[in-house]
């Protein structure tokens, strides 16, 4: 056999091998979910109103109710795992969960690892400061120490690296330039540092407006500074590569939108319909 023929044969086998491999992997997540009759969802335990442990030490919140609706649509049981957000956005899931809640913002950079089959919420972020803070406007935070949750759009905003790359995004204005940025695993730990006093560990903390209102209502010695920093859509996240699974998730969310469930859940948890922009 000539060198050319040998090369052509090897190339044909390689193409066939890739095609077979792709076909074998297509639908792998959906096949696993349906075969085990279980959808495994990664959720947080300390994001109030989104996903948290209630007084009975059970997972509760809007994210929890939404993913329950997805499992019901698929006709499977629901299993929860609670990795840190940092682990979720790293993308090394290795089959430990099938879907991630948390309202991940579908940025261009994240789309290299993840698919975003459906947007189910819209989040607005604000700045909170200690009640004794002398800051009167957001620009007063220039050069100050500002906190945000790790690997979130809030952190990217504070670091001035957030790019509005999602559909319908509006230009983002960075309204202050911190001298130092501190990152946290949750609102709980960030607010704990802010409660210590103005400038003790933090001068300000960036968080969702809903969580900020709840924290103020709960008696935290904090206040909101200025208006909304930015708003962004929150999506269901899956790993890239299983269109069949993504299509099922998208259909589940569409069904919940069409029958009003998504809107009712948002109003139940947030007091306002955050399922719509």
Protein backbone atom coordinates (compact mmCIF):
# COMPACT_ATOMS: atom_id res chain seq x y z
CA UNK A 1 0.00 0.00 0.00
CA UNK A 2 1.38 3.43 -0.92
CA UNK A 3 2.16 6.01 1.74
CA UNK A 4 -0.73 8.11 0.45
CA UNK A 5 -3.17 5.20 0.69
CA UNK A 6 -1.90 4.35 4.17
CA UNK A 7 -2.35 7.96 5.29
CA UNK A 8 -5.84 8.10 3.76
CA UNK A 9 -6.85 4.90 5.51
CA UNK A 10 -5.55 6.09 8.86
CA UNK A 11 -7.28 9.46 8.38
CA UNK A 12 -10.56 7.72 7.54
CA UNK A 13 -10.30 5.55 10.64
CA UNK A 14 -9.56 8.63 12.77
CA UNK A 15 -12.59 10.47 11.42
CA UNK A 16 -14.77 7.42 11.98
CA UNK A 17 -13.40 7.04 15.50
CA UNK A 18 -14.17 10.67 16.31
CA UNK A 19 -17.68 10.32 14.88
CA UNK A 20 -18.35 7.19 16.93
CA UNK A 21 -16.95 8.84 20.04
CA UNK A 22 -19.16 11.89 19.52
CA UNK A 23 -22.20 9.72 18.98
CA UNK A 24 -21.41 7.72 22.11
CA UNK A 25 -21.10 10.88 24.20
CA UNK A 26 -24.16 12.59 22.75
CA UNK A 27 -26.91 12.51 25.34
CA UNK A 28 -24.67 10.90 27.97
CA UNK A 29 -25.91 13.11 30.81
CA UNK A 30 -29.54 12.73 29.84
CA UNK A 31 -29.05 8.96 29.46
CA UNK A 32 -27.55 8.78 32.97
CA UNK A 33 -30.31 10.89 34.50
CA UNK A 34 -33.05 8.77 32.90
CA UNK A 35 -31.29 5.46 33.60
CA UNK A 36 -30.76 6.25 37.30
CA UNK A 37 -34.05 8.16 37.48
CA UNK A 38 -32.12 10.80 39.41
CA UNK A 39 -31.16 14.40 38.62
CA UNK A 40 -28.21 15.57 40.72
CA UNK A 41 -28.13 19.33 41.27
CA UNK A 42 -25.33 21.45 42.74
CA UNK A 43 -26.75 24.15 45.02
CA UNK A 44 -25.61 26.53 47.73
CA UNK A 45 -26.52 26.32 51.42
CA UNK A 46 -26.09 29.95 52.42
CA UNK A 47 -27.49 32.17 49.69
CA UNK A 48 -30.68 33.46 51.38
CA UNK A 49 -33.83 33.35 49.26
CA UNK A 50 -31.91 31.63 46.44
CA UNK A 51 -30.72 28.49 48.19
CA UNK A 52 -30.25 28.03 51.93
CA UNK A 53 -30.83 25.74 54.90
CA UNK A 54 -34.12 26.57 56.61
CA UNK A 55 -34.96 26.16 60.31
CA UNK A 56 -35.51 22.44 59.75
CA UNK A 57 -32.02 22.19 58.25
CA UNK A 58 -33.57 21.46 54.85
CA UNK A 59 -32.59 23.07 51.57
CA UNK A 60 -35.04 25.78 50.60
CA UNK A 61 -35.34 28.80 48.32
CA UNK A 62 -36.14 29.81 44.77
CA UNK A 63 -33.31 27.79 43.22
CA UNK A 64 -34.48 24.70 45.09
CA UNK A 65 -38.09 25.07 43.96
CA UNK A 66 -37.05 25.71 40.35
CA UNK A 67 -34.82 22.63 40.11
CA UNK A 68 -37.56 20.56 41.75
CA UNK A 69 -39.75 21.67 38.85
CA UNK A 70 -37.10 20.53 36.36
CA UNK A 71 -36.86 17.10 38.02
CA UNK A 72 -40.65 16.78 37.98
CA UNK A 73 -40.74 17.64 34.27
CA UNK A 74 -38.13 14.94 33.59
CA UNK A 75 -40.01 12.45 35.75
CA UNK A 76 -37.02 11.70 37.98
CA UNK A 77 -36.01 12.03 41.62
CA UNK A 78 -33.85 14.93 42.77
CA UNK A 79 -30.55 14.66 44.62
CA UNK A 80 -28.63 17.65 46.00
CA UNK A 81 -24.90 18.20 46.41
CA UNK A 82 -23.40 21.34 47.92
CA UNK A 83 -19.94 22.12 46.50
CA UNK A 84 -18.56 25.62 46.87
CA UNK A 85 -19.30 28.11 44.11
CA UNK A 86 -15.59 28.21 43.32
CA UNK A 87 -15.67 24.46 42.59
CA UNK A 88 -18.82 24.76 40.48
CA UNK A 89 -17.44 27.50 38.21
CA UNK A 90 -14.10 25.68 37.83
CA UNK A 91 -16.01 23.22 35.62
CA UNK A 92 -14.34 19.99 36.78
CA UNK A 93 -17.62 18.28 37.61
CA UNK A 94 -16.51 14.75 36.64
CA UNK A 95 -20.08 13.47 36.72
CA UNK A 96 -20.61 14.38 40.37
CA UNK A 97 -23.63 16.50 39.43
CA UNK A 98 -25.64 17.13 36.30
CA UNK A 99 -26.81 20.71 36.70
CA UNK A 100 -25.82 23.79 38.70
CA UNK A 101 -28.15 26.34 40.18
CA UNK A 102 -27.09 29.68 41.65
CA UNK A 103 -28.13 31.87 38.73
CA UNK A 104 -24.79 31.75 36.90
CA UNK A 105 -24.41 34.75 34.61
CA UNK A 106 -23.85 33.44 31.06
CA UNK A 107 -20.67 35.29 30.14
CA UNK A 108 -18.61 34.57 27.03
CA UNK A 109 -15.72 33.26 29.14
CA UNK A 110 -17.95 30.84 31.05
CA UNK A 111 -19.53 29.63 27.80
CA UNK A 112 -16.20 27.98 26.96
CA UNK A 113 -16.97 25.42 29.68
CA UNK A 114 -20.70 25.62 30.22
CA UNK A 115 -23.99 25.57 28.39
CA UNK A 116 -26.78 27.82 29.57
CA UNK A 117 -30.00 26.12 28.44
CA UNK A 118 -32.31 28.57 30.18
CA UNK A 119 -32.36 31.88 32.04
CA UNK A 120 -34.64 31.67 35.06
CA UNK A 121 -33.87 34.77 37.11
CA UNK A 122 -32.50 38.32 36.87
CA UNK A 123 -30.28 39.66 39.61
CA UNK A 124 -29.36 43.20 40.60
CA UNK A 125 -26.30 44.01 42.69
CA UNK A 126 -25.76 46.82 45.17
CA UNK A 127 -23.20 48.03 47.69
CA UNK A 128 -23.77 47.83 51.44
CA UNK A 129 -21.67 49.59 54.07
CA UNK A 130 -21.65 49.62 57.86
CA UNK A 131 -24.33 51.88 59.33
CA UNK A 132 -21.59 54.11 60.77
CA UNK A 133 -19.89 54.54 57.40
CA UNK A 134 -19.13 58.13 56.43
CA UNK A 135 -19.41 57.28 52.73
CA UNK A 136 -22.19 59.30 51.11
CA UNK A 137 -21.78 58.23 47.51
CA UNK A 138 -20.24 55.30 45.66
CA UNK A 139 -17.17 57.29 44.60
CA UNK A 140 -16.31 57.64 48.31
CA UNK A 141 -15.24 53.99 48.13
CA UNK A 142 -12.30 54.83 45.88
CA UNK A 143 -9.16 53.40 47.48
CA UNK A 144 -11.17 51.54 50.12
CA UNK A 145 -11.41 47.80 50.93
CA UNK A 146 -14.43 46.25 49.22
CA UNK A 147 -15.61 42.65 49.48
CA UNK A 148 -17.53 40.33 47.16
CA UNK A 149 -18.20 36.62 46.76
CA UNK A 150 -15.41 34.73 45.02
CA UNK A 151 -15.70 34.02 41.27
CA UNK A 152 -18.97 35.89 40.88
CA UNK A 153 -19.94 38.77 38.63
CA UNK A 154 -19.87 40.89 41.80
CA UNK A 155 -16.15 40.16 42.20
CA UNK A 156 -15.57 40.88 38.52
CA UNK A 157 -17.44 44.17 38.88
CA UNK A 158 -15.34 45.24 41.87
CA UNK A 159 -12.15 44.33 39.97
CA UNK A 160 -13.40 46.18 36.86
CA UNK A 161 -13.16 43.00 34.75
CA UNK A 162 -16.89 42.39 34.27
CA UNK A 163 -17.86 42.50 30.60
CA UNK A 164 -21.55 42.77 29.65
CA UNK A 165 -21.48 39.96 27.09
CA UNK A 166 -24.87 38.40 27.71
CA UNK A 167 -27.89 38.91 25.47
CA UNK A 168 -29.52 42.29 25.98
CA UNK A 169 -26.71 43.54 28.21
CA UNK A 170 -26.43 47.23 28.91
CA UNK A 171 -23.08 49.06 29.22
CA UNK A 172 -21.56 48.78 32.70
CA UNK A 173 -20.27 51.79 34.57
CA UNK A 174 -17.71 51.13 37.29
CA UNK A 175 -18.75 53.59 39.95
CA UNK A 176 -15.78 53.22 42.30
CA UNK A 177 -12.21 51.94 42.27
CA UNK A 178 -11.25 49.96 45.39
CA UNK A 179 -7.77 50.01 46.83
CA UNK A 180 -8.15 46.38 47.93
CA UNK A 181 -10.59 43.59 47.06
CA UNK A 182 -11.45 40.83 49.53
CA UNK A 183 -13.29 37.72 48.39
CA UNK A 184 -15.59 35.43 50.34
CA UNK A 185 -17.33 32.07 49.91
CA UNK A 186 -20.71 33.47 50.92
CA UNK A 187 -22.67 36.55 51.89
CA UNK A 188 -22.66 35.27 55.48
CA UNK A 189 -18.88 35.51 55.88
CA UNK A 190 -18.66 38.82 54.02
CA UNK A 191 -21.34 40.42 56.17
CA UNK A 192 -19.68 39.05 59.30
CA UNK A 193 -16.57 41.08 58.49
CA UNK A 194 -18.62 44.18 57.67
CA UNK A 195 -20.51 43.93 60.96
CA UNK A 196 -17.24 44.34 62.89
CA UNK A 197 -17.36 48.05 62.15
CA UNK A 198 -16.67 50.59 59.45
CA UNK A 199 -13.23 49.93 57.99
CA UNK A 200 -12.24 47.29 60.56
CA UNK A 201 -11.95 44.61 57.88
CA UNK A 202 -14.18 45.98 55.16
CA UNK A 203 -15.43 49.34 54.02
CA UNK A 204 -18.14 47.89 51.79
CA UNK A 205 -19.56 44.66 50.42
CA UNK A 206 -21.24 43.97 47.06
CA UNK A 207 -24.26 41.64 46.99
CA UNK A 208 -27.67 41.13 45.42
CA UNK A 209 -30.25 43.77 46.29
CA UNK A 210 -32.69 41.11 47.55
CA UNK A 211 -30.10 39.62 49.91
CA UNK A 212 -29.10 43.12 51.05
CA UNK A 213 -32.70 44.02 51.95
CA UNK A 214 -33.08 40.77 53.87
CA UNK A 215 -29.82 41.35 55.74
CA UNK A 216 -30.93 44.87 56.74
CA UNK A 217 -34.36 43.58 57.76
CA UNK A 218 -32.67 40.88 59.87
CA UNK A 219 -30.98 43.57 61.96
CA UNK A 220 -27.49 43.69 60.47
CA UNK A 221 -25.89 47.09 61.19
CA UNK A 222 -25.58 47.93 57.50
CA UNK A 223 -27.17 50.21 54.92
CA UNK A 224 -27.27 50.36 51.14
CA UNK A 225 -25.04 52.93 49.47
CA UNK A 226 -26.19 54.31 46.14
CA UNK A 227 -28.35 52.65 43.51
CA UNK A 228 -28.03 49.43 41.53
CA UNK A 229 -24.52 48.77 40.21
CA UNK A 230 -25.62 46.48 37.39
CA UNK A 231 -28.18 43.81 36.58
CA UNK A 232 -27.56 40.46 34.91
CA UNK A 233 -29.47 37.34 33.94
CA UNK A 234 -29.08 34.16 35.99
CA UNK A 235 -29.04 30.88 34.09
CA UNK A 236 -29.20 27.16 34.66
CA UNK A 237 -25.68 25.83 34.01
CA UNK A 238 -24.69 22.48 32.53
CA UNK A 239 -21.40 21.24 31.09
CA UNK A 240 -21.03 21.67 27.35
CA UNK A 241 -21.63 18.64 25.16
CA UNK A 242 -25.10 17.23 25.78
CA UNK A 243 -27.61 19.08 23.62
CA UNK A 244 -30.34 16.54 24.35
CA UNK A 245 -30.07 17.22 28.07
CA UNK A 246 -29.92 20.99 27.53
CA UNK A 247 -33.03 20.84 25.36
CA UNK A 248 -34.94 19.00 28.10
CA UNK A 249 -33.87 21.54 30.73
CA UNK A 250 -34.85 24.41 28.42
CA UNK A 251 -38.24 22.79 27.81
CA UNK A 252 -38.79 22.39 31.56
CA UNK A 253 -38.11 26.07 32.23
CA UNK A 254 -40.28 27.11 29.27
CA UNK A 255 -43.12 25.03 30.67
CA UNK A 256 -42.71 26.71 34.07
CA UNK A 257 -42.71 30.13 32.41
CA UNK A 258 -45.74 29.38 30.28
CA UNK A 259 -47.91 28.15 33.16
CA UNK A 260 -46.82 30.99 35.50
CA UNK A 261 -44.92 28.77 37.94
CA UNK A 262 -41.61 30.58 37.52
CA UNK A 263 -43.22 33.96 38.19
CA UNK A 264 -45.12 32.67 41.24
CA UNK A 265 -41.97 31.17 42.75
CA UNK A 266 -40.02 34.42 42.28
CA UNK A 267 -42.76 36.45 43.95
CA UNK A 268 -43.01 33.87 46.74
CA UNK A 269 -39.31 34.18 47.56
CA UNK A 270 -38.35 37.69 46.52
CA UNK A 271 -41.60 39.60 46.68
CA UNK A 272 -41.04 40.66 43.08
CA UNK A 273 -41.01 38.78 39.79
CA UNK A 274 -37.30 38.31 39.11
CA UNK A 275 -38.06 35.68 36.48
CA UNK A 276 -38.58 38.60 34.09
CA UNK A 277 -36.01 41.34 33.51
